[in-house]
PDB file of N, CA and C in Angstrom:
ATOM      1  N   MET A   1      21.851  20.716 -85.562  1.00  0.00           N
ATOM      2  CA  MET A   1      21.202  21.593 -84.607  1.00  0.00           C
ATOM      3  C   MET A   1      21.673  23.029 -84.732  1.00  0.00           C
ATOM      4  N   SER A   2      22.787  23.238 -85.385  1.00  0.00           N
ATOM      5  CA  SER A   2      23.318  24.594 -85.447  1.00  0.00           C
ATOM      6  C   SER A   2      22.356  25.559 -86.125  1.00  0.00           C
ATOM      7  N   LYS A   3      21.399  25.054 -86.876  1.00  0.00           N
ATOM      8  CA  LYS A   3      20.462  25.930 -87.559  1.00  0.00           C
ATOM      9  C   LYS A   3      19.491  26.617 -86.602  1.00  0.00           C
ATOM     10  N   ILE A   4      19.228  26.037 -85.444  1.00  0.00           N
ATOM     11  CA  ILE A   4      18.302  26.678 -84.512  1.00  0.00           C
ATOM     12  C   ILE A   4      18.981  27.179 -83.244  1.00  0.00           C
ATOM     13  N   THR A   5      20.261  26.954 -83.116  1.00  0.00           N
ATOM     14  CA  THR A   5      20.926  27.385 -81.890  1.00  0.00           C
ATOM     15  C   THR A   5      21.047  28.901 -81.785  1.00  0.00           C
ATOM     16  N   ASP A   6      20.783  29.622 -82.867  1.00  0.00           N
ATOM     17  CA  ASP A   6      20.782  31.077 -82.752  1.00  0.00           C
ATOM     18  C   ASP A   6      19.576  31.564 -81.958  1.00  0.00           C
ATOM     19  N   ILE A   7      18.469  30.808 -81.953  1.00  0.00           N
ATOM     20  CA  ILE A   7      17.305  31.201 -81.146  1.00  0.00           C
ATOM     21  C   ILE A   7      17.163  30.363 -79.882  1.00  0.00           C
ATOM     22  N   PHE A   8      17.699  29.161 -79.902  1.00  0.00           N
ATOM     23  CA  PHE A   8      17.707  28.294 -78.727  1.00  0.00           C
ATOM     24  C   PHE A   8      19.123  27.748 -78.552  1.00  0.00           C
ATOM     25  N   PRO A   9      19.999  28.515 -77.901  1.00  0.00           N
ATOM     26  CA  PRO A   9      21.419  28.142 -77.826  1.00  0.00           C
ATOM     27  C   PRO A   9      21.706  26.811 -77.138  1.00  0.00           C
ATOM     28  N   ASN A  10      20.832  26.335 -76.296  1.00  0.00           N
ATOM     29  CA  ASN A  10      21.069  25.063 -75.606  1.00  0.00           C
ATOM     30  C   ASN A  10      20.385  23.882 -76.277  1.00  0.00           C
ATOM     31  N   ALA A  11      19.880  24.087 -77.492  1.00  0.00           N
ATOM     32  CA  ALA A  11      19.200  23.014 -78.218  1.00  0.00           C
ATOM     33  C   ALA A  11      20.171  21.870 -78.478  1.00  0.00           C
ATOM     34  N   SER A  12      19.623  20.668 -78.471  1.00  0.00           N
ATOM     35  CA  SER A  12      20.412  19.484 -78.755  1.00  0.00           C
ATOM     36  C   SER A  12      19.548  18.527 -79.566  1.00  0.00           C
ATOM     37  N   HIS A  13      20.057  17.355 -79.804  1.00  0.00           N
ATOM     38  CA  HIS A  13      19.341  16.340 -80.573  1.00  0.00           C
ATOM     39  C   HIS A  13      19.528  15.007 -79.873  1.00  0.00           C
ATOM     40  N   VAL A  14      18.542  14.121 -79.991  1.00  0.00           N
ATOM     41  CA  VAL A  14      18.647  12.833 -79.310  1.00  0.00           C
ATOM     42  C   VAL A  14      19.912  12.079 -79.711  1.00  0.00           C
ATOM     43  N   MET A  15      20.342  12.227 -80.955  1.00  0.00           N
ATOM     44  CA  MET A  15      21.574  11.539 -81.384  1.00  0.00           C
ATOM     45  C   MET A  15      22.787  12.056 -80.616  1.00  0.00           C
ATOM     46  N   LEU A  16      22.827  13.353 -80.350  1.00  0.00           N
ATOM     47  CA  LEU A  16      23.959  13.930 -79.624  1.00  0.00           C
ATOM     48  C   LEU A  16      23.976  13.500 -78.158  1.00  0.00           C
ATOM     49  N   LYS A  17      22.835  13.088 -77.660  1.00  0.00           N
ATOM     50  CA  LYS A  17      22.719  12.617 -76.273  1.00  0.00           C
ATOM     51  C   LYS A  17      22.715  11.096 -76.199  1.00  0.00           C
ATOM     52  N   HIS A  18      22.982  10.453 -77.331  1.00  0.00           N
ATOM     53  CA  HIS A  18      23.023   8.987 -77.429  1.00  0.00           C
ATOM     54  C   HIS A  18      21.693   8.355 -77.035  1.00  0.00           C
ATOM     55  N   LEU A  19      20.602   9.015 -77.423  1.00  0.00           N
ATOM     56  CA  LEU A  19      19.262   8.528 -77.126  1.00  0.00           C
ATOM     57  C   LEU A  19      18.495   8.142 -78.392  1.00  0.00           C
ATOM     58  N   ASP A  20      19.170   8.112 -79.529  1.00  0.00           N
ATOM     59  CA  ASP A  20      18.488   7.891 -80.799  1.00  0.00           C
ATOM     60  C   ASP A  20      17.883   6.498 -80.931  1.00  0.00           C
ATOM     61  N   GLU A  21      18.313   5.554 -80.118  1.00  0.00           N
ATOM     62  CA  GLU A  21      17.707   4.219 -80.140  1.00  0.00           C
ATOM     63  C   GLU A  21      16.911   3.946 -78.858  1.00  0.00           C
ATOM     64  N   SER A  22      16.648   4.986 -78.101  1.00  0.00           N
ATOM     65  CA  SER A  22      15.896   4.863 -76.848  1.00  0.00           C
ATOM     66  C   SER A  22      14.402   4.902 -77.122  1.00  0.00           C
ATOM     67  N   THR A  23      13.638   4.405 -76.169  1.00  0.00           N
ATOM     68  CA  THR A  23      12.186   4.487 -76.274  1.00  0.00           C
ATOM     69  C   THR A  23      11.735   5.924 -76.023  1.00  0.00           C
ATOM     70  N   ASP A  24      10.506   6.208 -76.423  1.00  0.00           N
ATOM     71  CA  ASP A  24       9.957   7.538 -76.159  1.00  0.00           C
ATOM     72  C   ASP A  24       9.961   7.843 -74.667  1.00  0.00           C
ATOM     73  N   LEU A  25       9.619   6.848 -73.849  1.00  0.00           N
ATOM     74  CA  LEU A  25       9.593   7.061 -72.404  1.00  0.00           C
ATOM     75  C   LEU A  25      10.989   7.376 -71.867  1.00  0.00           C
ATOM     76  N   GLU A  26      12.012   6.719 -72.377  1.00  0.00           N
ATOM     77  CA  GLU A  26      13.388   7.012 -71.944  1.00  0.00           C
ATOM     78  C   GLU A  26      13.794   8.433 -72.327  1.00  0.00           C
ATOM     79  N   VAL A  27      13.422   8.862 -73.526  1.00  0.00           N
ATOM     80  CA  VAL A  27      13.708  10.232 -73.960  1.00  0.00           C
ATOM     81  C   VAL A  27      12.954  11.211 -73.072  1.00  0.00           C
ATOM     82  N   TRP A  28      11.681  10.921 -72.797  1.00  0.00           N
ATOM     83  CA  TRP A  28      10.860  11.773 -71.954  1.00  0.00           C
ATOM     84  C   TRP A  28      11.477  11.919 -70.557  1.00  0.00           C
ATOM     85  N   LYS A  29      11.903  10.790 -69.974  1.00  0.00           N
ATOM     86  CA  LYS A  29      12.527  10.820 -68.645  1.00  0.00           C
ATOM     87  C   LYS A  29      13.831  11.618 -68.661  1.00  0.00           C
ATOM     88  N   TYR A  30      14.636  11.454 -69.710  1.00  0.00           N
ATOM     89  CA  TYR A  30      15.887  12.201 -69.820  1.00  0.00           C
ATOM     90  C   TYR A  30      15.591  13.704 -69.896  1.00  0.00           C
ATOM     91  N   ALA A  31      14.620  14.070 -70.717  1.00  0.00           N
ATOM     92  CA  ALA A  31      14.258  15.482 -70.846  1.00  0.00           C
ATOM     93  C   ALA A  31      13.775  16.041 -69.514  1.00  0.00           C
ATOM     94  N   ARG A  32      12.978  15.277 -68.811  1.00  0.00           N
ATOM     95  CA  ARG A  32      12.463  15.720 -67.504  1.00  0.00           C
ATOM     96  C   ARG A  32      13.609  15.937 -66.514  1.00  0.00           C
ATOM     97  N   LYS A  33      14.517  14.968 -66.444  1.00  0.00           N
ATOM     98  CA  LYS A  33      15.632  15.034 -65.498  1.00  0.00           C
ATOM     99  C   LYS A  33      16.597  16.173 -65.812  1.00  0.00           C
ATOM    100  N   ASN A  34      16.759  16.481 -67.104  1.00  0.00           N
ATOM    101  CA  ASN A  34      17.778  17.443 -67.522  1.00  0.00           C
ATOM    102  C   ASN A  34      17.232  18.787 -67.983  1.00  0.00           C
ATOM    103  N   GLY A  35      15.957  19.029 -67.784  1.00  0.00           N
ATOM    104  CA  GLY A  35      15.375  20.328 -68.070  1.00  0.00           C
ATOM    105  C   GLY A  35      15.200  20.653 -69.544  1.00  0.00           C
ATOM    106  N   TYR A  36      15.036  19.641 -70.361  1.00  0.00           N
ATOM    107  CA  TYR A  36      14.826  19.863 -71.789  1.00  0.00           C
ATOM    108  C   TYR A  36      13.347  19.949 -72.113  1.00  0.00           C
ATOM    109  N   THR A  37      13.046  20.643 -73.196  1.00  0.00           N
ATOM    110  CA  THR A  37      11.742  20.621 -73.836  1.00  0.00           C
ATOM    111  C   THR A  37      11.876  19.691 -75.030  1.00  0.00           C
ATOM    112  N   ILE A  38      10.882  18.871 -75.278  1.00  0.00           N
ATOM    113  CA  ILE A  38      10.926  17.955 -76.413  1.00  0.00           C
ATOM    114  C   ILE A  38      10.218  18.597 -77.601  1.00  0.00           C
ATOM    115  N   VAL A  39      10.920  18.671 -78.720  1.00  0.00           N
ATOM    116  CA  VAL A  39      10.348  19.145 -79.975  1.00  0.00           C
ATOM    117  C   VAL A  39      10.208  17.911 -80.858  1.00  0.00           C
ATOM    118  N   THR A  40       8.980  17.620 -81.290  1.00  0.00           N
ATOM    119  CA  THR A  40       8.722  16.354 -81.962  1.00  0.00           C
ATOM    120  C   THR A  40       7.591  16.449 -82.972  1.00  0.00           C
ATOM    121  N   LYS A  41       7.598  15.527 -83.909  1.00  0.00           N
ATOM    122  CA  LYS A  41       6.465  15.323 -84.807  1.00  0.00           C
ATOM    123  C   LYS A  41       5.669  14.089 -84.370  1.00  0.00           C
ATOM    124  N   ASP A  42       6.086  13.459 -83.304  1.00  0.00           N
ATOM    125  CA  ASP A  42       5.535  12.202 -82.821  1.00  0.00           C
ATOM    126  C   ASP A  42       4.426  12.450 -81.795  1.00  0.00           C
ATOM    127  N   SER A  43       3.221  11.954 -82.070  1.00  0.00           N
ATOM    128  CA  SER A  43       2.098  12.156 -81.145  1.00  0.00           C
ATOM    129  C   SER A  43       2.268  11.401 -79.832  1.00  0.00           C
ATOM    130  N   ASP A  44       3.174  10.421 -79.799  1.00  0.00           N
ATOM    131  CA  ASP A  44       3.387   9.658 -78.566  1.00  0.00           C
ATOM    132  C   ASP A  44       3.829  10.553 -77.410  1.00  0.00           C
ATOM    133  N   PHE A  45       4.600  11.587 -77.690  1.00  0.00           N
ATOM    134  CA  PHE A  45       5.047  12.484 -76.624  1.00  0.00           C
ATOM    135  C   PHE A  45       3.885  13.316 -76.092  1.00  0.00           C
ATOM    136  N   ASN A  46       2.943  13.635 -76.954  1.00  0.00           N
ATOM    137  CA  ASN A  46       1.729  14.314 -76.520  1.00  0.00           C
ATOM    138  C   ASN A  46       0.997  13.442 -75.513  1.00  0.00           C
ATOM    139  N   GLU A  47       0.884  12.160 -75.813  1.00  0.00           N
ATOM    140  CA  GLU A  47       0.209  11.228 -74.917  1.00  0.00           C
ATOM    141  C   GLU A  47       0.958  11.084 -73.594  1.00  0.00           C
ATOM    142  N   LEU A  48       2.289  11.081 -73.641  1.00  0.00           N
ATOM    143  CA  LEU A  48       3.075  11.028 -72.398  1.00  0.00           C
ATOM    144  C   LEU A  48       2.833  12.268 -71.551  1.00  0.00           C
ATOM    145  N   ALA A  49       2.771  13.421 -72.193  1.00  0.00           N
ATOM    146  CA  ALA A  49       2.524  14.664 -71.453  1.00  0.00           C
ATOM    147  C   ALA A  49       1.156  14.630 -70.780  1.00  0.00           C
ATOM    148  N   ILE A  50       0.175  14.062 -71.467  1.00  0.00           N
ATOM    149  CA  ILE A  50      -1.166  13.975 -70.894  1.00  0.00           C
ATOM    150  C   ILE A  50      -1.195  12.987 -69.723  1.00  0.00           C
ATOM    151  N   SER A  51      -0.545  11.846 -69.889  1.00  0.00           N
ATOM    152  CA  SER A  51      -0.611  10.820 -68.843  1.00  0.00           C
ATOM    153  C   SER A  51       0.366  11.051 -67.696  1.00  0.00           C
ATOM    154  N   ARG A  52       1.506  11.667 -67.963  1.00  0.00           N
ATOM    155  CA  ARG A  52       2.541  11.818 -66.933  1.00  0.00           C
ATOM    156  C   ARG A  52       2.752  13.263 -66.488  1.00  0.00           C
ATOM    157  N   GLY A  53       2.165  14.197 -67.182  1.00  0.00           N
ATOM    158  CA  GLY A  53       2.297  15.598 -66.808  1.00  0.00           C
ATOM    159  C   GLY A  53       3.564  16.237 -67.331  1.00  0.00           C
ATOM    160  N   SER A  54       3.788  17.430 -66.851  1.00  0.00           N
ATOM    161  CA  SER A  54       4.919  18.237 -67.282  1.00  0.00           C
ATOM    162  C   SER A  54       5.712  18.644 -66.050  1.00  0.00           C
ATOM    163  N   PRO A  55       7.006  18.773 -66.094  1.00  0.00           N
ATOM    164  CA  PRO A  55       7.870  18.698 -67.265  1.00  0.00           C
ATOM    165  C   PRO A  55       8.096  17.267 -67.724  1.00  0.00           C
ATOM    166  N   PRO A  56       8.644  17.106 -68.899  1.00  0.00           N
ATOM    167  CA  PRO A  56       9.064  18.147 -69.830  1.00  0.00           C
ATOM    168  C   PRO A  56       7.883  18.689 -70.622  1.00  0.00           C
ATOM    169  N   LYS A  57       8.085  19.880 -71.136  1.00  0.00           N
ATOM    170  CA  LYS A  57       7.112  20.470 -72.036  1.00  0.00           C
ATOM    171  C   LYS A  57       7.325  19.867 -73.422  1.00  0.00           C
ATOM    172  N   ILE A  58       6.246  19.859 -74.203  1.00  0.00           N
ATOM    173  CA  ILE A  58       6.285  19.274 -75.536  1.00  0.00           C
ATOM    174  C   ILE A  58       5.915  20.331 -76.567  1.00  0.00           C
ATOM    175  N   ILE A  59       6.760  20.497 -77.570  1.00  0.00           N
ATOM    176  CA  ILE A  59       6.416  21.296 -78.742  1.00  0.00           C
ATOM    177  C   ILE A  59       6.151  20.284 -79.852  1.00  0.00           C
ATOM    178  N   TRP A  60       4.886  20.201 -80.241  1.00  0.00           N
ATOM    179  CA  TRP A  60       4.433  19.176 -81.182  1.00  0.00           C
ATOM    180  C   TRP A  60       4.260  19.805 -82.555  1.00  0.00           C
ATOM    181  N   ILE A  61       5.094  19.413 -83.476  1.00  0.00           N
ATOM    182  CA  ILE A  61       5.058  19.918 -84.844  1.00  0.00           C
ATOM    183  C   ILE A  61       4.102  19.036 -85.630  1.00  0.00           C
ATOM    184  N   LYS A  62       2.995  19.608 -86.039  1.00  0.00           N
ATOM    185  CA  LYS A  62       1.940  18.841 -86.686  1.00  0.00           C
ATOM    186  C   LYS A  62       1.889  19.141 -88.187  1.00  0.00           C
ATOM    187  N   ILE A  63       2.971  18.791 -88.868  1.00  0.00           N
ATOM    188  CA  ILE A  63       3.002  18.910 -90.322  1.00  0.00           C
ATOM    189  C   ILE A  63       3.436  17.567 -90.898  1.00  0.00           C
ATOM    190  N   GLY A  64       3.112  17.353 -92.128  1.00  0.00           N
ATOM    191  CA  GLY A  64       3.463  16.099 -92.782  1.00  0.00           C
ATOM    192  C   GLY A  64       4.941  16.040 -93.130  1.00  0.00           C
ATOM    193  N   ASN A  65       5.257  15.172 -94.055  1.00  0.00           N
ATOM    194  CA  ASN A  65       6.639  15.029 -94.504  1.00  0.00           C
ATOM    195  C   ASN A  65       7.159  16.355 -95.030  1.00  0.00           C
ATOM    196  N   CYS A  66       8.356  16.683 -94.628  1.00  0.00           N
ATOM    197  CA  CYS A  66       8.955  17.934 -95.063  1.00  0.00           C
ATOM    198  C   CYS A  66      10.464  17.843 -94.878  1.00  0.00           C
ATOM    199  N   ARG A  67      11.131  18.859 -95.350  1.00  0.00           N
ATOM    200  CA  ARG A  67      12.582  18.921 -95.207  1.00  0.00           C
ATOM    201  C   ARG A  67      12.938  19.511 -93.839  1.00  0.00           C
ATOM    202  N   VAL A  68      14.141  19.221 -93.378  1.00  0.00           N
ATOM    203  CA  VAL A  68      14.630  19.770 -92.101  1.00  0.00           C
ATOM    204  C   VAL A  68      14.579  21.293 -92.146  1.00  0.00           C
ATOM    205  N   ASN A  69      14.948  21.882 -93.259  1.00  0.00           N
ATOM    206  CA  ASN A  69      14.917  23.346 -93.369  1.00  0.00           C
ATOM    207  C   ASN A  69      13.512  23.904 -93.165  1.00  0.00           C
ATOM    208  N   ASP A  70      12.480  23.151 -93.580  1.00  0.00           N
ATOM    209  CA  ASP A  70      11.098  23.591 -93.360  1.00  0.00           C
ATOM    210  C   ASP A  70      10.767  23.618 -91.873  1.00  0.00           C
ATOM    211  N   ILE A  71      11.249  22.629 -91.145  1.00  0.00           N
ATOM    212  CA  ILE A  71      11.014  22.581 -89.697  1.00  0.00           C
ATOM    213  C   ILE A  71      11.750  23.722 -89.007  1.00  0.00           C
ATOM    214  N   VAL A  72      12.992  23.953 -89.401  1.00  0.00           N
ATOM    215  CA  VAL A  72      13.763  25.057 -88.821  1.00  0.00           C
ATOM    216  C   VAL A  72      13.037  26.369 -89.060  1.00  0.00           C
ATOM    217  N   GLN A  73      12.550  26.581 -90.269  1.00  0.00           N
ATOM    218  CA  GLN A  73      11.817  27.814 -90.586  1.00  0.00           C
ATOM    219  C   GLN A  73      10.559  27.933 -89.740  1.00  0.00           C
ATOM    220  N   LEU A  74       9.828  26.835 -89.577  1.00  0.00           N
ATOM    221  CA  LEU A  74       8.617  26.828 -88.755  1.00  0.00           C
ATOM    222  C   LEU A  74       8.935  27.193 -87.307  1.00  0.00           C
ATOM    223  N   LEU A  75      10.013  26.639 -86.776  1.00  0.00           N
ATOM    224  CA  LEU A  75      10.422  26.964 -85.409  1.00  0.00           C
ATOM    225  C   LEU A  75      10.789  28.433 -85.277  1.00  0.00           C
ATOM    226  N   LYS A  76      11.511  28.948 -86.250  1.00  0.00           N
ATOM    227  CA  LYS A  76      11.892  30.368 -86.205  1.00  0.00           C
ATOM    228  C   LYS A  76      10.662  31.270 -86.296  1.00  0.00           C
ATOM    229  N   GLU A  77       9.712  30.901 -87.142  1.00  0.00           N
ATOM    230  CA  GLU A  77       8.491  31.707 -87.286  1.00  0.00           C
ATOM    231  C   GLU A  77       7.645  31.696 -86.012  1.00  0.00           C
ATOM    232  N   ASN A  78       7.742  30.651 -85.226  1.00  0.00           N
ATOM    233  CA  ASN A  78       6.947  30.516 -84.006  1.00  0.00           C
ATOM    234  C   ASN A  78       7.751  30.774 -82.737  1.00  0.00           C
ATOM    235  N   HIS A  79       8.919  31.357 -82.871  1.00  0.00           N
ATOM    236  CA  HIS A  79       9.827  31.590 -81.744  1.00  0.00           C
ATOM    237  C   HIS A  79       9.140  32.339 -80.601  1.00  0.00           C
ATOM    238  N   HIS A  80       8.469  33.427 -80.921  1.00  0.00           N
ATOM    239  CA  HIS A  80       7.834  34.239 -79.879  1.00  0.00           C
ATOM    240  C   HIS A  80       6.781  33.417 -79.118  1.00  0.00           C
ATOM    241  N   GLY A  81       5.943  32.693 -79.846  1.00  0.00           N
ATOM    242  CA  GLY A  81       4.922  31.863 -79.210  1.00  0.00           C
ATOM    243  C   GLY A  81       5.525  30.763 -78.359  1.00  0.00           C
ATOM    244  N   MET A  82       6.632  30.191 -78.821  1.00  0.00           N
ATOM    245  CA  MET A  82       7.290  29.132 -78.049  1.00  0.00           C
ATOM    246  C   MET A  82       7.876  29.693 -76.762  1.00  0.00           C
ATOM    247  N   ILE A  83       8.445  30.886 -76.810  1.00  0.00           N
ATOM    248  CA  ILE A  83       8.993  31.509 -75.601  1.00  0.00           C
ATOM    249  C   ILE A  83       7.879  31.738 -74.581  1.00  0.00           C
ATOM    250  N   GLU A  84       6.748  32.265 -75.039  1.00  0.00           N
ATOM    251  CA  GLU A  84       5.614  32.468 -74.128  1.00  0.00           C
ATOM    252  C   GLU A  84       5.159  31.137 -73.530  1.00  0.00           C
ATOM    253  N   PHE A  85       5.098  30.105 -74.352  1.00  0.00           N
ATOM    254  CA  PHE A  85       4.717  28.772 -73.887  1.00  0.00           C
ATOM    255  C   PHE A  85       5.696  28.259 -72.832  1.00  0.00           C
ATOM    256  N   LEU A  86       6.977  28.409 -73.085  1.00  0.00           N
ATOM    257  CA  LEU A  86       7.987  27.906 -72.145  1.00  0.00           C
ATOM    258  C   LEU A  86       7.941  28.644 -70.813  1.00  0.00           C
ATOM    259  N   GLU A  87       7.514  29.895 -70.839  1.00  0.00           N
ATOM    260  CA  GLU A  87       7.434  30.685 -69.610  1.00  0.00           C
ATOM    261  C   GLU A  87       6.134  30.446 -68.845  1.00  0.00           C
ATOM    262  N   ASP A  88       5.146  29.830 -69.477  1.00  0.00           N
ATOM    263  CA  ASP A  88       3.845  29.568 -68.858  1.00  0.00           C
ATOM    264  C   ASP A  88       3.917  28.269 -68.055  1.00  0.00           C
ATOM    265  N   GLU A  89       3.884  28.370 -66.747  1.00  0.00           N
ATOM    266  CA  GLU A  89       4.040  27.190 -65.902  1.00  0.00           C
ATOM    267  C   GLU A  89       2.878  26.216 -65.984  1.00  0.00           C
ATOM    268  N   PHE A  90       1.758  26.630 -66.563  1.00  0.00           N
ATOM    269  CA  PHE A  90       0.582  25.768 -66.606  1.00  0.00           C
ATOM    270  C   PHE A  90       0.402  25.039 -67.934  1.00  0.00           C
ATOM    271  N   SER A  91       1.156  25.420 -68.943  1.00  0.00           N
ATOM    272  CA  SER A  91       1.020  24.811 -70.263  1.00  0.00           C
ATOM    273  C   SER A  91       2.020  23.657 -70.419  1.00  0.00           C
ATOM    274  N   ALA A  92       1.569  22.582 -71.051  1.00  0.00           N
ATOM    275  CA  ALA A  92       2.440  21.414 -71.228  1.00  0.00           C
ATOM    276  C   ALA A  92       2.715  21.097 -72.697  1.00  0.00           C
ATOM    277  N   ILE A  93       1.795  21.472 -73.581  1.00  0.00           N
ATOM    278  CA  ILE A  93       1.918  21.115 -74.992  1.00  0.00           C
ATOM    279  C   ILE A  93       1.667  22.351 -75.849  1.00  0.00           C
ATOM    280  N   PHE A  94       2.554  22.595 -76.802  1.00  0.00           N
ATOM    281  CA  PHE A  94       2.424  23.690 -77.758  1.00  0.00           C
ATOM    282  C   PHE A  94       2.406  23.080 -79.144  1.00  0.00           C
ATOM    283  N   GLU A  95       1.329  23.283 -79.882  1.00  0.00           N
ATOM    284  CA  GLU A  95       1.193  22.707 -81.211  1.00  0.00           C
ATOM    285  C   GLU A  95       1.476  23.746 -82.286  1.00  0.00           C
ATOM    286  N   ILE A  96       2.307  23.346 -83.232  1.00  0.00           N
ATOM    287  CA  ILE A  96       2.531  24.208 -84.396  1.00  0.00           C
ATOM    288  C   ILE A  96       2.476  23.363 -85.660  1.00  0.00           C
TER     289      ILE A  96
END
């Protein structure tokens, strides 16, 4: 996570929160309770946001197989848009 903490200092990972073997719903509930935004390539979180609402907000990365560095670069390139999304109380899903 240290690669993106320069733009999102409170970023974490499900493994660091001991949620790596949890269901999507458990991760979603944890994020909601603890004020996290979920960054994912998994469409299941999009469906949770639609059915259960926000928070948590979902940043849905819609790219195929790639390296972690590619995802970090994509997040950095979209930093401004993500900040606007996070500040918008009416938006629940941001696709990149």
